[in-house]
C-alpha cells in the first residue's frame, strides 16, 4: 500500500510543494547552521502507517536530506552489542 502511495501524482505534487516551502534545503541541517540542498527527501512527521489520514497534510511534512531522514528512522546505525553489559558466570 505505502509503495504505491509514493508513486501517485497527488503525493508527488505535495512533495514538491513541501520542498519549495522549506526553501529546497534540509530543515534539520539548517537548524544546525549547515546548508544541505542535495539528496532531499520529504518526511512524514507522523508516519503514514500510524496516521494515514495525515498522509497528504502539508503540515505533517518536512524536507530532510537523505542522511537526516535515515537518522530520523534509525536506519544504518550500528547496533549495540547485546552482550556488552552482561556478565557470564561459568
N, C-alpha and C. Protein backbone atom coordinates (compact mmCIF):
# COMPACT_ATOMS: atom_id res chain seq x y z
N UNK A 1 0.81 -1.18 0.00
CA UNK A 1 0.00 0.00 0.00
C UNK A 1 0.86 1.26 0.00
N UNK A 2 1.89 1.31 0.89
CA UNK A 2 2.70 2.52 1.01
C UNK A 2 3.53 2.76 -0.23
N UNK A 3 4.03 1.70 -0.84
CA UNK A 3 4.86 1.86 -2.03
C UNK A 3 4.07 2.50 -3.16
N UNK A 4 2.84 2.08 -3.34
CA UNK A 4 2.03 2.67 -4.41
C UNK A 4 1.66 4.11 -4.08
N UNK A 5 1.48 4.43 -2.82
CA UNK A 5 1.16 5.80 -2.41
C UNK A 5 2.22 6.78 -2.91
N UNK A 6 3.47 6.43 -2.76
CA UNK A 6 4.56 7.33 -3.12
C UNK A 6 4.73 7.51 -4.63
N UNK A 7 4.01 6.75 -5.42
CA UNK A 7 4.05 6.90 -6.88
C UNK A 7 2.87 7.71 -7.41
N UNK A 8 1.94 8.04 -6.56
CA UNK A 8 0.74 8.77 -7.01
C UNK A 8 1.06 10.23 -7.29
N UNK A 9 0.39 10.78 -8.28
CA UNK A 9 0.58 12.17 -8.69
C UNK A 9 0.31 13.14 -7.54
N UNK A 10 -0.73 12.88 -6.78
CA UNK A 10 -1.09 13.77 -5.68
C UNK A 10 0.06 13.90 -4.67
N UNK A 11 0.70 12.75 -4.35
CA UNK A 11 1.84 12.78 -3.43
C UNK A 11 3.02 13.53 -4.05
N UNK A 12 3.32 13.25 -5.29
CA UNK A 12 4.47 13.89 -5.95
C UNK A 12 4.32 15.41 -5.99
N UNK A 13 3.11 15.89 -6.24
CA UNK A 13 2.87 17.34 -6.26
C UNK A 13 3.03 17.94 -4.87
N UNK A 14 2.46 17.28 -3.87
CA UNK A 14 2.56 17.78 -2.50
C UNK A 14 4.00 17.74 -2.00
N UNK A 15 4.72 16.72 -2.39
CA UNK A 15 6.13 16.59 -2.03
C UNK A 15 6.91 17.80 -2.55
N UNK A 16 6.67 18.18 -3.79
CA UNK A 16 7.36 19.33 -4.38
C UNK A 16 6.98 20.62 -3.67
N UNK A 17 5.72 20.75 -3.30
CA UNK A 17 5.27 21.94 -2.55
C UNK A 17 6.01 22.03 -1.21
N UNK A 18 6.16 20.90 -0.52
CA UNK A 18 6.87 20.88 0.76
C UNK A 18 8.33 21.29 0.58
N UNK A 19 8.97 20.80 -0.45
CA UNK A 19 10.37 21.13 -0.71
C UNK A 19 10.51 22.63 -1.00
N UNK A 20 9.62 23.18 -1.79
CA UNK A 20 9.65 24.62 -2.09
C UNK A 20 9.41 25.42 -0.81
N UNK A 21 8.42 25.02 -0.02
CA UNK A 21 8.13 25.71 1.24
C UNK A 21 9.36 25.75 2.14
N UNK A 22 10.12 24.66 2.16
CA UNK A 22 11.30 24.55 3.03
C UNK A 22 12.57 25.09 2.36
N UNK A 23 12.38 25.89 1.31
CA UNK A 23 13.47 26.58 0.61
C UNK A 23 14.49 25.63 -0.01
N UNK A 24 14.00 24.46 -0.39
CA UNK A 24 14.82 23.46 -1.07
C UNK A 24 16.09 23.10 -0.29
N UNK A 25 15.93 22.98 1.03
CA UNK A 25 17.05 22.55 1.86
C UNK A 25 16.54 21.75 3.06
N UNK A 26 17.44 20.96 3.63
CA UNK A 26 17.12 20.14 4.79
C UNK A 26 16.89 21.05 5.99
N UNK A 27 15.73 20.91 6.62
CA UNK A 27 15.43 21.80 7.74
C UNK A 27 16.23 21.46 8.99
N UNK A 28 16.60 20.19 9.18
CA UNK A 28 17.42 19.83 10.34
C UNK A 28 18.83 20.36 10.18
N UNK A 29 19.39 20.24 8.99
CA UNK A 29 20.73 20.79 8.76
C UNK A 29 20.71 22.30 8.96
N UNK A 30 19.69 22.96 8.44
CA UNK A 30 19.57 24.42 8.57
C UNK A 30 19.53 24.82 10.04
N UNK A 31 18.82 24.05 10.86
CA UNK A 31 18.74 24.36 12.30
C UNK A 31 20.11 24.24 12.97
N UNK A 32 21.01 23.48 12.35
CA UNK A 32 22.36 23.30 12.90
C UNK A 32 23.40 24.14 12.17
N UNK A 33 22.95 25.13 11.42
CA UNK A 33 23.86 26.05 10.76
C UNK A 33 24.51 25.52 9.49
N UNK A 34 23.99 24.43 8.95
CA UNK A 34 24.54 23.83 7.74
C UNK A 34 23.51 23.97 6.62
N UNK A 35 23.97 24.10 5.40
CA UNK A 35 23.05 24.22 4.27
C UNK A 35 23.19 22.99 3.38
N UNK A 36 22.17 22.15 3.36
CA UNK A 36 22.17 20.95 2.53
C UNK A 36 21.01 21.04 1.55
N UNK A 37 21.36 21.07 0.25
CA UNK A 37 20.35 21.23 -0.79
C UNK A 37 20.31 20.05 -1.76
N UNK A 38 21.05 18.99 -1.46
CA UNK A 38 21.07 17.82 -2.33
C UNK A 38 20.51 16.60 -1.60
N UNK A 39 20.11 15.62 -2.37
CA UNK A 39 19.56 14.37 -1.82
C UNK A 39 18.42 14.63 -0.85
N UNK A 40 17.49 15.49 -1.24
CA UNK A 40 16.39 15.86 -0.36
C UNK A 40 15.25 14.84 -0.44
N UNK A 41 14.65 14.59 0.70
CA UNK A 41 13.51 13.70 0.82
C UNK A 41 12.46 14.40 1.67
N UNK A 42 11.22 14.01 1.51
CA UNK A 42 10.16 14.60 2.32
C UNK A 42 9.71 13.56 3.34
N UNK A 43 9.77 13.96 4.59
CA UNK A 43 9.47 13.08 5.72
C UNK A 43 8.07 13.37 6.27
N UNK A 44 7.35 12.32 6.58
CA UNK A 44 6.08 12.46 7.30
C UNK A 44 6.42 12.55 8.79
N UNK A 45 6.07 13.64 9.43
CA UNK A 45 6.35 13.82 10.86
C UNK A 45 5.63 12.73 11.65
N UNK A 46 4.36 12.55 11.38
CA UNK A 46 3.61 11.42 11.93
C UNK A 46 3.50 10.42 10.79
N UNK A 47 4.03 9.23 11.00
CA UNK A 47 4.17 8.25 9.93
C UNK A 47 2.84 7.81 9.32
N UNK A 48 2.90 7.57 8.02
CA UNK A 48 1.71 7.18 7.25
C UNK A 48 1.08 5.91 7.81
N UNK A 49 1.89 4.95 8.21
CA UNK A 49 1.33 3.69 8.70
C UNK A 49 0.51 3.88 9.97
N UNK A 50 0.86 4.89 10.78
CA UNK A 50 0.14 5.16 12.03
C UNK A 50 -0.96 6.20 11.86
N UNK A 51 -0.77 7.12 10.93
CA UNK A 51 -1.72 8.22 10.72
C UNK A 51 -2.01 8.39 9.23
N UNK A 52 -2.66 7.44 8.60
CA UNK A 52 -2.91 7.54 7.15
C UNK A 52 -3.72 8.78 6.77
N UNK A 53 -4.52 9.28 7.69
CA UNK A 53 -5.32 10.48 7.40
C UNK A 53 -4.46 11.74 7.25
N UNK A 54 -3.20 11.69 7.69
CA UNK A 54 -2.29 12.83 7.58
C UNK A 54 -1.30 12.68 6.43
N UNK A 55 -1.46 11.64 5.64
CA UNK A 55 -0.50 11.35 4.56
C UNK A 55 -0.35 12.50 3.58
N UNK A 56 -1.43 13.22 3.31
CA UNK A 56 -1.40 14.32 2.35
C UNK A 56 -1.64 15.67 3.02
N UNK A 57 -1.25 15.78 4.27
CA UNK A 57 -1.37 17.02 5.03
C UNK A 57 -0.02 17.73 5.01
N UNK A 58 0.05 18.87 4.34
CA UNK A 58 1.31 19.60 4.20
C UNK A 58 1.93 19.93 5.56
N UNK A 59 1.12 20.17 6.56
CA UNK A 59 1.64 20.49 7.90
C UNK A 59 2.33 19.29 8.54
N UNK A 60 2.12 18.11 8.01
CA UNK A 60 2.74 16.89 8.53
C UNK A 60 4.00 16.51 7.75
N UNK A 61 4.47 17.39 6.89
CA UNK A 61 5.63 17.09 6.04
C UNK A 61 6.78 18.04 6.34
N UNK A 62 7.99 17.52 6.20
CA UNK A 62 9.19 18.36 6.32
C UNK A 62 10.25 17.82 5.38
N UNK A 63 11.10 18.70 4.91
CA UNK A 63 12.16 18.33 3.98
C UNK A 63 13.41 18.01 4.77
N UNK A 64 13.95 16.81 4.53
CA UNK A 64 15.19 16.38 5.16
C UNK A 64 16.13 15.86 4.08
N UNK A 65 17.43 15.96 4.33
CA UNK A 65 18.38 15.32 3.42
C UNK A 65 18.35 13.82 3.71
N UNK A 66 18.91 13.06 2.83
CA UNK A 66 18.90 11.60 2.98
C UNK A 66 19.53 11.17 4.31
N UNK A 67 20.66 11.79 4.69
CA UNK A 67 21.32 11.43 5.94
C UNK A 67 20.43 11.69 7.16
N UNK A 68 19.81 12.87 7.21
CA UNK A 68 18.93 13.19 8.34
C UNK A 68 17.69 12.29 8.34
N UNK A 69 17.16 12.00 7.16
CA UNK A 69 15.98 11.14 7.08
C UNK A 69 16.32 9.73 7.58
N UNK A 70 17.48 9.23 7.21
CA UNK A 70 17.91 7.92 7.69
C UNK A 70 18.11 7.94 9.20
N UNK A 71 18.70 9.01 9.72
CA UNK A 71 18.92 9.13 11.16
C UNK A 71 17.57 9.20 11.88
N UNK A 72 16.62 9.92 11.32
CA UNK A 72 15.29 10.05 11.93
C UNK A 72 14.60 8.70 12.09
N UNK A 73 14.82 7.81 11.13
CA UNK A 73 14.20 6.49 11.17
C UNK A 73 15.12 5.43 11.76
N UNK A 74 16.32 5.82 12.21
CA UNK A 74 17.23 4.86 12.83
C UNK A 74 17.84 3.87 11.85
N UNK A 75 17.93 4.25 10.59
CA UNK A 75 18.50 3.36 9.57
C UNK A 75 20.02 3.43 9.59
N UNK A 76 20.64 2.32 9.36
CA UNK A 76 22.09 2.21 9.17
C UNK A 76 22.90 2.58 10.41
N UNK A 77 22.30 2.54 11.58
CA UNK A 77 23.06 2.81 12.80
C UNK A 77 23.65 1.51 13.31
N UNK A 78 24.81 1.62 13.92
CA UNK A 78 25.42 0.43 14.49
C UNK A 78 24.52 -0.09 15.60
N UNK A 79 24.35 -1.38 15.61
CA UNK A 79 23.55 -1.99 16.66
C UNK A 79 24.45 -2.24 17.87
N UNK A 80 23.91 -1.97 19.03
CA UNK A 80 24.65 -2.19 20.26
C UNK A 80 24.85 -3.69 20.46
N UNK A 81 26.03 -4.06 20.85
CA UNK A 81 26.30 -5.45 21.16
C UNK A 81 25.51 -5.81 22.41
N UNK A 82 24.61 -6.73 22.27
CA UNK A 82 23.72 -7.03 23.40
C UNK A 82 24.44 -7.70 24.56
N UNK A 83 25.68 -8.11 24.36
CA UNK A 83 26.42 -8.77 25.43
C UNK A 83 27.30 -7.79 26.20
N UNK A 84 27.43 -6.57 25.76
CA UNK A 84 28.34 -5.62 26.40
C UNK A 84 28.08 -5.43 27.89
N UNK A 85 26.84 -5.38 28.28
CA UNK A 85 26.54 -5.06 29.67
C UNK A 85 26.14 -6.29 30.50
N UNK A 86 26.41 -7.44 29.97
CA UNK A 86 26.07 -8.66 30.70
C UNK A 86 27.33 -9.39 31.13
N UNK A 87 27.25 -10.02 32.25
CA UNK A 87 28.38 -10.80 32.75
C UNK A 87 27.95 -12.26 32.80
N UNK A 88 28.82 -13.10 32.29
CA UNK A 88 28.53 -14.53 32.33
C UNK A 88 29.34 -15.18 33.43
N UNK A 89 28.70 -16.05 34.16
CA UNK A 89 29.42 -16.82 35.18
C UNK A 89 29.37 -18.28 34.76
N UNK A 90 30.51 -18.89 34.73
CA UNK A 90 30.59 -20.29 34.32
C UNK A 90 30.82 -21.18 35.49
